[in-house]
């Protein structure tokens, strides 16, 4: 079966200047997969792109990859503050 977290990692790491700072949290609920992507603050613009074009392209590729496995995927791009907030909500 396809690992969507690995697919997203392979897409994002070549785009960013600091690939070591790429963090992806994965939540699976049945056939629904939520991927939360966090990159270094300086790389946010590279991942989002002008007018969100890169982010839209990433989501399109991820949806196509998920469809081949019969899954539904959602990709959220979070900045550091949002990631910390989501982590504190879970505790």
PDB file of N, CA and C in Angstrom:
ATOM      1  N   UNK A   1       0.837  -1.187   0.000  1.00  0.00           N
ATOM      2  CA  UNK A   1       0.000   0.000   0.000  1.00  0.00           C
ATOM      3  C   UNK A   1       0.883   1.253   0.000  1.00  0.00           C
ATOM      4  N   UNK A   2       0.375   2.299  -0.581  1.00  0.00           N
ATOM      5  CA  UNK A   2       1.130   3.539  -0.717  1.00  0.00           C
ATOM      6  C   UNK A   2       1.219   4.266   0.627  1.00  0.00           C
ATOM      7  N   UNK A   3       2.398   4.789   0.931  1.00  0.00           N
ATOM      8  CA  UNK A   3       2.599   5.564   2.152  1.00  0.00           C
ATOM      9  C   UNK A   3       2.535   7.049   1.768  1.00  0.00           C
ATOM     10  N   UNK A   4       1.424   7.695   2.070  1.00  0.00           N
ATOM     11  CA  UNK A   4       1.217   9.081   1.659  1.00  0.00           C
ATOM     12  C   UNK A   4       2.175  10.041   2.358  1.00  0.00           C
ATOM     13  N   UNK A   5       2.564   9.708   3.585  1.00  0.00           N
ATOM     14  CA  UNK A   5       3.516  10.552   4.307  1.00  0.00           C
ATOM     15  C   UNK A   5       4.865  10.584   3.570  1.00  0.00           C
ATOM     16  N   UNK A   6       5.293   9.436   3.080  1.00  0.00           N
ATOM     17  CA  UNK A   6       6.548   9.371   2.324  1.00  0.00           C
ATOM     18  C   UNK A   6       6.445  10.122   1.006  1.00  0.00           C
ATOM     19  N   UNK A   7       5.298  10.012   0.343  1.00  0.00           N
ATOM     20  CA  UNK A   7       5.096  10.726  -0.917  1.00  0.00           C
ATOM     21  C   UNK A   7       5.207  12.227  -0.692  1.00  0.00           C
ATOM     22  N   UNK A   8       4.534  12.729   0.345  1.00  0.00           N
ATOM     23  CA  UNK A   8       4.592  14.164   0.647  1.00  0.00           C
ATOM     24  C   UNK A   8       6.014  14.591   1.003  1.00  0.00           C
ATOM     25  N   UNK A   9       6.715  13.764   1.742  1.00  0.00           N
ATOM     26  CA  UNK A   9       8.104  14.064   2.101  1.00  0.00           C
ATOM     27  C   UNK A   9       8.972  14.189   0.850  1.00  0.00           C
ATOM     28  N   UNK A  10       8.804  13.257  -0.091  1.00  0.00           N
ATOM     29  CA  UNK A  10       9.584  13.279  -1.331  1.00  0.00           C
ATOM     30  C   UNK A  10       9.254  14.492  -2.204  1.00  0.00           C
ATOM     31  N   UNK A  11       8.048  15.005  -2.097  1.00  0.00           N
ATOM     32  CA  UNK A  11       7.670  16.200  -2.853  1.00  0.00           C
ATOM     33  C   UNK A  11       8.242  17.460  -2.220  1.00  0.00           C
ATOM     34  N   UNK A  12       8.153  17.555  -0.903  1.00  0.00           N
ATOM     35  CA  UNK A  12       8.480  18.810  -0.205  1.00  0.00           C
ATOM     36  C   UNK A  12       9.977  19.008   0.012  1.00  0.00           C
ATOM     37  N   UNK A  13      10.697  17.973   0.387  1.00  0.00           N
ATOM     38  CA  UNK A  13      12.117  18.148   0.738  1.00  0.00           C
ATOM     39  C   UNK A  13      12.954  18.798  -0.365  1.00  0.00           C
ATOM     40  N   UNK A  14      12.766  18.459  -1.641  1.00  0.00           N
ATOM     41  CA  UNK A  14      13.567  19.133  -2.676  1.00  0.00           C
ATOM     42  C   UNK A  14      13.207  20.615  -2.879  1.00  0.00           C
ATOM     43  N   UNK A  15      12.032  21.021  -2.444  1.00  0.00           N
ATOM     44  CA  UNK A  15      11.577  22.401  -2.632  1.00  0.00           C
ATOM     45  C   UNK A  15      12.200  23.347  -1.619  1.00  0.00           C
ATOM     46  N   UNK A  16      12.382  22.873  -0.383  1.00  0.00           N
ATOM     47  CA  UNK A  16      12.785  23.747   0.720  1.00  0.00           C
ATOM     48  C   UNK A  16      14.302  23.867   0.844  1.00  0.00           C
ATOM     49  N   UNK A  17      14.731  24.945   1.486  1.00  0.00           N
ATOM     50  CA  UNK A  17      16.158  25.173   1.716  1.00  0.00           C
ATOM     51  C   UNK A  17      16.670  24.336   2.892  1.00  0.00           C
ATOM     52  N   UNK A  18      15.794  24.038   3.861  1.00  0.00           N
ATOM     53  CA  UNK A  18      16.176  23.279   5.052  1.00  0.00           C
ATOM     54  C   UNK A  18      15.340  21.993   5.138  1.00  0.00           C
ATOM     55  N   UNK A  19      15.719  20.965   4.369  1.00  0.00           N
ATOM     56  CA  UNK A  19      14.915  19.741   4.353  1.00  0.00           C
ATOM     57  C   UNK A  19      14.850  19.021   5.699  1.00  0.00           C
ATOM     58  N   UNK A  20      15.835  19.247   6.560  1.00  0.00           N
ATOM     59  CA  UNK A  20      15.832  18.591   7.870  1.00  0.00           C
ATOM     60  C   UNK A  20      14.729  19.120   8.778  1.00  0.00           C
ATOM     61  N   UNK A  21      14.200  20.299   8.477  1.00  0.00           N
ATOM     62  CA  UNK A  21      13.166  20.893   9.322  1.00  0.00           C
ATOM     63  C   UNK A  21      11.748  20.484   8.896  1.00  0.00           C
ATOM     64  N   UNK A  22      11.635  19.675   7.855  1.00  0.00           N
ATOM     65  CA  UNK A  22      10.320  19.222   7.393  1.00  0.00           C
ATOM     66  C   UNK A  22       9.757  18.210   8.388  1.00  0.00           C
ATOM     67  N   UNK A  23       8.564  18.523   8.911  1.00  0.00           N
ATOM     68  CA  UNK A  23       7.879  17.636   9.852  1.00  0.00           C
ATOM     69  C   UNK A  23       6.480  17.375   9.313  1.00  0.00           C
ATOM     70  N   UNK A  24       6.108  16.107   9.232  1.00  0.00           N
ATOM     71  CA  UNK A  24       4.783  15.741   8.748  1.00  0.00           C
ATOM     72  C   UNK A  24       4.122  14.845   9.790  1.00  0.00           C
ATOM     73  N   UNK A  25       2.986  15.307  10.285  1.00  0.00           N
ATOM     74  CA  UNK A  25       2.179  14.498  11.204  1.00  0.00           C
ATOM     75  C   UNK A  25       1.060  13.865  10.396  1.00  0.00           C
ATOM     76  N   UNK A  26       0.824  12.587  10.645  1.00  0.00           N
ATOM     77  CA  UNK A  26      -0.188  11.852   9.884  1.00  0.00           C
ATOM     78  C   UNK A  26      -1.247  11.314  10.835  1.00  0.00           C
ATOM     79  N   UNK A  27      -2.508  11.535  10.460  1.00  0.00           N
ATOM     80  CA  UNK A  27      -3.633  10.961  11.205  1.00  0.00           C
ATOM     81  C   UNK A  27      -4.498  10.194  10.211  1.00  0.00           C
ATOM     82  N   UNK A  28      -4.767   8.950  10.544  1.00  0.00           N
ATOM     83  CA  UNK A  28      -5.573   8.107   9.666  1.00  0.00           C
ATOM     84  C   UNK A  28      -6.841   7.724  10.398  1.00  0.00           C
ATOM     85  N   UNK A  29      -7.957   7.887   9.711  1.00  0.00           N
ATOM     86  CA  UNK A  29      -9.250   7.494  10.248  1.00  0.00           C
ATOM     87  C   UNK A  29     -10.006   6.776   9.132  1.00  0.00           C
ATOM     88  N   UNK A  30      -9.933   5.456   9.143  1.00  0.00           N
ATOM     89  CA  UNK A  30     -10.550   4.687   8.065  1.00  0.00           C
ATOM     90  C   UNK A  30      -9.847   4.963   6.749  1.00  0.00           C
ATOM     91  N   UNK A  31     -10.588   5.482   5.780  1.00  0.00           N
ATOM     92  CA  UNK A  31     -10.004   5.807   4.476  1.00  0.00           C
ATOM     93  C   UNK A  31      -9.607   7.275   4.364  1.00  0.00           C
ATOM     94  N   UNK A  32      -9.761   8.034   5.454  1.00  0.00           N
ATOM     95  CA  UNK A  32      -9.399   9.452   5.463  1.00  0.00           C
ATOM     96  C   UNK A  32      -8.032   9.636   6.099  1.00  0.00           C
ATOM     97  N   UNK A  33      -7.175  10.383   5.410  1.00  0.00           N
ATOM     98  CA  UNK A  33      -5.827  10.643   5.905  1.00  0.00           C
ATOM     99  C   UNK A  33      -5.630  12.150   5.986  1.00  0.00           C
ATOM    100  N   UNK A  34      -5.175  12.615   7.153  1.00  0.00           N
ATOM    101  CA  UNK A  34      -4.837  14.023   7.349  1.00  0.00           C
ATOM    102  C   UNK A  34      -3.325  14.117   7.500  1.00  0.00           C
ATOM    103  N   UNK A  35      -2.711  14.913   6.634  1.00  0.00           N
ATOM    104  CA  UNK A  35      -1.270  15.156   6.720  1.00  0.00           C
ATOM    105  C   UNK A  35      -1.065  16.616   7.086  1.00  0.00           C
ATOM    106  N   UNK A  36      -0.376  16.855   8.201  1.00  0.00           N
ATOM    107  CA  UNK A  36      -0.070  18.209   8.641  1.00  0.00           C
ATOM    108  C   UNK A  36       1.410  18.463   8.380  1.00  0.00           C
ATOM    109  N   UNK A  37       1.666  19.405   7.491  1.00  0.00           N
ATOM    110  CA  UNK A  37       3.024  19.703   7.055  1.00  0.00           C
ATOM    111  C   UNK A  37       3.537  20.946   7.747  1.00  0.00           C
ATOM    112  N   UNK A  38       4.735  20.858   8.298  1.00  0.00           N
ATOM    113  CA  UNK A  38       5.393  22.012   8.906  1.00  0.00           C
ATOM    114  C   UNK A  38       6.802  22.103   8.354  1.00  0.00           C
ATOM    115  N   UNK A  39       7.194  23.308   7.922  1.00  0.00           N
ATOM    116  CA  UNK A  39       8.546  23.560   7.420  1.00  0.00           C
ATOM    117  C   UNK A  39       9.124  24.749   8.171  1.00  0.00           C
ATOM    118  N   UNK A  40      10.401  25.025   7.958  1.00  0.00           N
ATOM    119  CA  UNK A  40      11.039  26.180   8.578  1.00  0.00           C
ATOM    120  C   UNK A  40      10.312  27.456   8.141  1.00  0.00           C
ATOM    121  N   UNK A  41      10.239  28.458   9.016  1.00  0.00           N
ATOM    122  CA  UNK A  41       9.546  29.715   8.663  1.00  0.00           C
ATOM    123  C   UNK A  41      10.040  30.326   7.354  1.00  0.00           C
ATOM    124  N   UNK A  42      11.327  30.233   7.083  1.00  0.00           N
ATOM    125  CA  UNK A  42      11.885  30.801   5.853  1.00  0.00           C
ATOM    126  C   UNK A  42      11.444  30.027   4.605  1.00  0.00           C
ATOM    127  N   UNK A  43      10.997  28.802   4.787  1.00  0.00           N
ATOM    128  CA  UNK A  43      10.587  27.965   3.655  1.00  0.00           C
ATOM    129  C   UNK A  43       9.082  27.987   3.385  1.00  0.00           C
ATOM    130  N   UNK A  44       8.320  28.647   4.226  1.00  0.00           N
ATOM    131  CA  UNK A  44       6.858  28.667   4.051  1.00  0.00           C
ATOM    132  C   UNK A  44       6.469  29.209   2.673  1.00  0.00           C
ATOM    133  N   UNK A  45       7.110  30.281   2.244  1.00  0.00           N
ATOM    134  CA  UNK A  45       6.803  30.872   0.945  1.00  0.00           C
ATOM    135  C   UNK A  45       7.096  29.928  -0.206  1.00  0.00           C
ATOM    136  N   UNK A  46       8.141  29.128  -0.054  1.00  0.00           N
ATOM    137  CA  UNK A  46       8.493  28.177  -1.114  1.00  0.00           C
ATOM    138  C   UNK A  46       7.463  27.070  -1.230  1.00  0.00           C
ATOM    139  N   UNK A  47       6.911  26.656  -0.110  1.00  0.00           N
ATOM    140  CA  UNK A  47       5.935  25.570  -0.110  1.00  0.00           C
ATOM    141  C   UNK A  47       4.557  26.072  -0.562  1.00  0.00           C
ATOM    142  N   UNK A  48       4.229  27.309  -0.213  1.00  0.00           N
ATOM    143  CA  UNK A  48       2.928  27.855  -0.591  1.00  0.00           C
ATOM    144  C   UNK A  48       2.958  28.403  -2.013  1.00  0.00           C
ATOM    145  N   UNK A  49       4.007  29.115  -2.377  1.00  0.00           N
ATOM    146  CA  UNK A  49       4.133  29.654  -3.729  1.00  0.00           C
ATOM    147  C   UNK A  49       3.298  30.909  -3.933  1.00  0.00           C
ATOM    148  N   UNK A  50       3.468  31.539  -5.070  1.00  0.00           N
ATOM    149  CA  UNK A  50       2.693  32.739  -5.390  1.00  0.00           C
ATOM    150  C   UNK A  50       1.231  32.387  -5.558  1.00  0.00           C
ATOM    151  N   UNK A  51       0.414  33.080  -4.822  1.00  0.00           N
ATOM    152  CA  UNK A  51      -1.040  32.881  -4.871  1.00  0.00           C
ATOM    153  C   UNK A  51      -1.427  31.438  -4.546  1.00  0.00           C
ATOM    154  N   UNK A  52      -0.565  30.726  -3.804  1.00  0.00           N
ATOM    155  CA  UNK A  52      -0.876  29.369  -3.375  1.00  0.00           C
ATOM    156  C   UNK A  52      -0.742  28.303  -4.450  1.00  0.00           C
ATOM    157  N   UNK A  53      -0.051  28.635  -5.538  1.00  0.00           N
ATOM    158  CA  UNK A  53       0.035  27.685  -6.654  1.00  0.00           C
ATOM    159  C   UNK A  53       0.796  26.407  -6.299  1.00  0.00           C
ATOM    160  N   UNK A  54       1.888  26.531  -5.566  1.00  0.00           N
ATOM    161  CA  UNK A  54       2.670  25.341  -5.195  1.00  0.00           C
ATOM    162  C   UNK A  54       1.859  24.476  -4.230  1.00  0.00           C
ATOM    163  N   UNK A  55       1.221  25.110  -3.250  1.00  0.00           N
ATOM    164  CA  UNK A  55       0.405  24.364  -2.292  1.00  0.00           C
ATOM    165  C   UNK A  55      -0.722  23.626  -3.007  1.00  0.00           C
ATOM    166  N   UNK A  56      -1.347  24.283  -3.958  1.00  0.00           N
ATOM    167  CA  UNK A  56      -2.439  23.654  -4.714  1.00  0.00           C
ATOM    168  C   UNK A  56      -1.907  22.464  -5.519  1.00  0.00           C
ATOM    169  N   UNK A  57      -0.743  22.625  -6.120  1.00  0.00           N
ATOM    170  CA  UNK A  57      -0.146  21.534  -6.896  1.00  0.00           C
ATOM    171  C   UNK A  57       0.209  20.352  -5.991  1.00  0.00           C
ATOM    172  N   UNK A  58       0.751  20.634  -4.814  1.00  0.00           N
ATOM    173  CA  UNK A  58       1.087  19.564  -3.866  1.00  0.00           C
ATOM    174  C   UNK A  58      -0.182  18.805  -3.491  1.00  0.00           C
ATOM    175  N   UNK A  59      -1.245  19.543  -3.184  1.00  0.00           N
ATOM    176  CA  UNK A  59      -2.504  18.896  -2.797  1.00  0.00           C
ATOM    177  C   UNK A  59      -3.082  18.065  -3.945  1.00  0.00           C
ATOM    178  N   UNK A  60      -2.962  18.563  -5.172  1.00  0.00           N
ATOM    179  CA  UNK A  60      -3.471  17.824  -6.337  1.00  0.00           C
ATOM    180  C   UNK A  60      -2.728  16.501  -6.516  1.00  0.00           C
ATOM    181  N   UNK A  61      -1.410  16.543  -6.420  1.00  0.00           N
ATOM    182  CA  UNK A  61      -0.604  15.325  -6.553  1.00  0.00           C
ATOM    183  C   UNK A  61      -0.927  14.349  -5.419  1.00  0.00           C
ATOM    184  N   UNK A  62      -1.081  14.862  -4.217  1.00  0.00           N
ATOM    185  CA  UNK A  62      -1.392  14.000  -3.078  1.00  0.00           C
ATOM    186  C   UNK A  62      -2.765  13.360  -3.222  1.00  0.00           C
ATOM    187  N   UNK A  63      -3.732  14.097  -3.733  1.00  0.00           N
ATOM    188  CA  UNK A  63      -5.063  13.526  -3.948  1.00  0.00           C
ATOM    189  C   UNK A  63      -5.022  12.429  -5.003  1.00  0.00           C
ATOM    190  N   UNK A  64      -4.221  12.623  -6.041  1.00  0.00           N
ATOM    191  CA  UNK A  64      -4.076  11.603  -7.073  1.00  0.00           C
ATOM    192  C   UNK A  64      -3.411  10.354  -6.497  1.00  0.00           C
ATOM    193  N   UNK A  65      -2.379  10.539  -5.678  1.00  0.00           N
ATOM    194  CA  UNK A  65      -1.693   9.403  -5.065  1.00  0.00           C
ATOM    195  C   UNK A  65      -2.644   8.650  -4.132  1.00  0.00           C
ATOM    196  N   UNK A  66      -3.434   9.388  -3.365  1.00  0.00           N
ATOM    197  CA  UNK A  66      -4.378   8.764  -2.437  1.00  0.00           C
ATOM    198  C   UNK A  66      -5.459   8.002  -3.192  1.00  0.00           C
ATOM    199  N   UNK A  67      -5.913   8.555  -4.303  1.00  0.00           N
ATOM    200  CA  UNK A  67      -6.976   7.919  -5.081  1.00  0.00           C
ATOM    201  C   UNK A  67      -6.538   6.552  -5.603  1.00  0.00           C
ATOM    202  N   UNK A  68      -5.256   6.415  -5.942  1.00  0.00           N
ATOM    203  CA  UNK A  68      -4.769   5.117  -6.426  1.00  0.00           C
ATOM    204  C   UNK A  68      -4.862   4.048  -5.349  1.00  0.00           C
ATOM    205  N   UNK A  69      -4.850   4.485  -4.082  1.00  0.00           N
ATOM    206  CA  UNK A  69      -4.955   3.540  -2.968  1.00  0.00           C
ATOM    207  C   UNK A  69      -6.371   3.498  -2.395  1.00  0.00           C
ATOM    208  N   UNK A  70      -7.297   4.220  -3.017  1.00  0.00           N
ATOM    209  CA  UNK A  70      -8.674   4.243  -2.526  1.00  0.00           C
ATOM    210  C   UNK A  70      -8.844   5.044  -1.250  1.00  0.00           C
ATOM    211  N   UNK A  71      -7.999   6.046  -1.059  1.00  0.00           N
ATOM    212  CA  UNK A  71      -8.041   6.873   0.151  1.00  0.00           C
ATOM    213  C   UNK A  71      -8.422   8.312  -0.181  1.00  0.00           C
ATOM    214  N   UNK A  72      -8.808   9.045   0.847  1.00  0.00           N
ATOM    215  CA  UNK A  72      -9.028  10.488   0.729  1.00  0.00           C
ATOM    216  C   UNK A  72      -7.974  11.168   1.593  1.00  0.00           C
ATOM    217  N   UNK A  73      -7.314  12.188   1.059  1.00  0.00           N
ATOM    218  CA  UNK A  73      -6.251  12.852   1.798  1.00  0.00           C
ATOM    219  C   UNK A  73      -6.528  14.346   1.895  1.00  0.00           C
ATOM    220  N   UNK A  74      -6.127  14.914   3.016  1.00  0.00           N
ATOM    221  CA  UNK A  74      -6.153  16.364   3.194  1.00  0.00           C
ATOM    222  C   UNK A  74      -4.769  16.777   3.675  1.00  0.00           C
ATOM    223  N   UNK A  75      -4.212  17.792   3.031  1.00  0.00           N
ATOM    224  CA  UNK A  75      -2.886  18.288   3.400  1.00  0.00           C
ATOM    225  C   UNK A  75      -3.049  19.684   3.979  1.00  0.00           C
ATOM    226  N   UNK A  76      -2.669  19.840   5.251  1.00  0.00           N
ATOM    227  CA  UNK A  76      -2.678  21.141   5.911  1.00  0.00           C
ATOM    228  C   UNK A  76      -1.238  21.612   6.050  1.00  0.00           C
ATOM    229  N   UNK A  77      -0.992  22.853   5.658  1.00  0.00           N
ATOM    230  CA  UNK A  77       0.333  23.441   5.806  1.00  0.00           C
ATOM    231  C   UNK A  77       0.263  24.377   7.000  1.00  0.00           C
ATOM    232  N   UNK A  78       1.006  24.024   8.054  1.00  0.00           N
ATOM    233  CA  UNK A  78       0.950  24.759   9.305  1.00  0.00           C
ATOM    234  C   UNK A  78       2.243  25.508   9.552  1.00  0.00           C
ATOM    235  N   UNK A  79       2.124  26.720  10.111  1.00  0.00           N
ATOM    236  CA  UNK A  79       3.350  27.386  10.548  1.00  0.00           C
ATOM    237  C   UNK A  79       3.663  26.898  11.965  1.00  0.00           C
ATOM    238  N   UNK A  80       4.781  27.310  12.516  1.00  0.00           N
ATOM    239  CA  UNK A  80       5.232  26.798  13.814  1.00  0.00           C
ATOM    240  C   UNK A  80       4.223  27.072  14.916  1.00  0.00           C
ATOM    241  N   UNK A  81       3.575  28.250  14.893  1.00  0.00           N
ATOM    242  CA  UNK A  81       2.604  28.600  15.923  1.00  0.00           C
ATOM    243  C   UNK A  81       1.394  27.671  15.866  1.00  0.00           C
ATOM    244  N   UNK A  82       0.906  27.386  14.661  1.00  0.00           N
ATOM    245  CA  UNK A  82      -0.249  26.500  14.498  1.00  0.00           C
ATOM    246  C   UNK A  82       0.091  25.083  14.926  1.00  0.00           C
ATOM    247  N   UNK A  83       1.304  24.642  14.627  1.00  0.00           N
ATOM    248  CA  UNK A  83       1.724  23.296  15.008  1.00  0.00           C
ATOM    249  C   UNK A  83       1.767  23.175  16.523  1.00  0.00           C
ATOM    250  N   UNK A  84       2.333  24.166  17.209  1.00  0.00           N
ATOM    251  CA  UNK A  84       2.404  24.153  18.658  1.00  0.00           C
ATOM    252  C   UNK A  84       1.005  24.180  19.267  1.00  0.00           C
ATOM    253  N   UNK A  85       0.109  24.956  18.663  1.00  0.00           N
ATOM    254  CA  UNK A  85      -1.265  25.057  19.131  1.00  0.00           C
ATOM    255  C   UNK A  85      -1.977  23.710  18.981  1.00  0.00           C
ATOM    256  N   UNK A  86      -1.809  23.036  17.840  1.00  0.00           N
ATOM    257  CA  UNK A  86      -2.442  21.734  17.612  1.00  0.00           C
ATOM    258  C   UNK A  86      -1.909  20.707  18.603  1.00  0.00           C
ATOM    259  N   UNK A  87      -0.597  20.750  18.886  1.00  0.00           N
ATOM    260  CA  UNK A  87      -0.009  19.801  19.832  1.00  0.00           C
ATOM    261  C   UNK A  87      -0.558  20.029  21.223  1.00  0.00           C
ATOM    262  N   UNK A  88      -0.730  21.286  21.647  1.00  0.00           N
ATOM    263  CA  UNK A  88      -1.240  21.568  22.987  1.00  0.00           C
ATOM    264  C   UNK A  88      -2.718  21.198  23.089  1.00  0.00           C
ATOM    265  N   UNK A  89      -3.469  21.264  22.001  1.00  0.00           N
ATOM    266  CA  UNK A  89      -4.877  20.872  22.008  1.00  0.00           C
ATOM    267  C   UNK A  89      -5.048  19.376  22.243  1.00  0.00           C
ATOM    268  N   UNK A  90      -4.070  18.594  21.823  1.00  0.00           N
ATOM    269  CA  UNK A  90      -4.160  17.147  21.930  1.00  0.00           C
ATOM    270  C   UNK A  90      -3.835  16.649  23.319  1.00  0.00           C
ATOM    271  N   UNK A  91      -3.166  17.440  24.122  1.00  0.00           N
ATOM    272  CA  UNK A  91      -2.736  16.990  25.467  1.00  0.00           C
ATOM    273  C   UNK A  91      -3.847  17.030  26.466  1.00  0.00           C
TER     274      UNK A  91
END
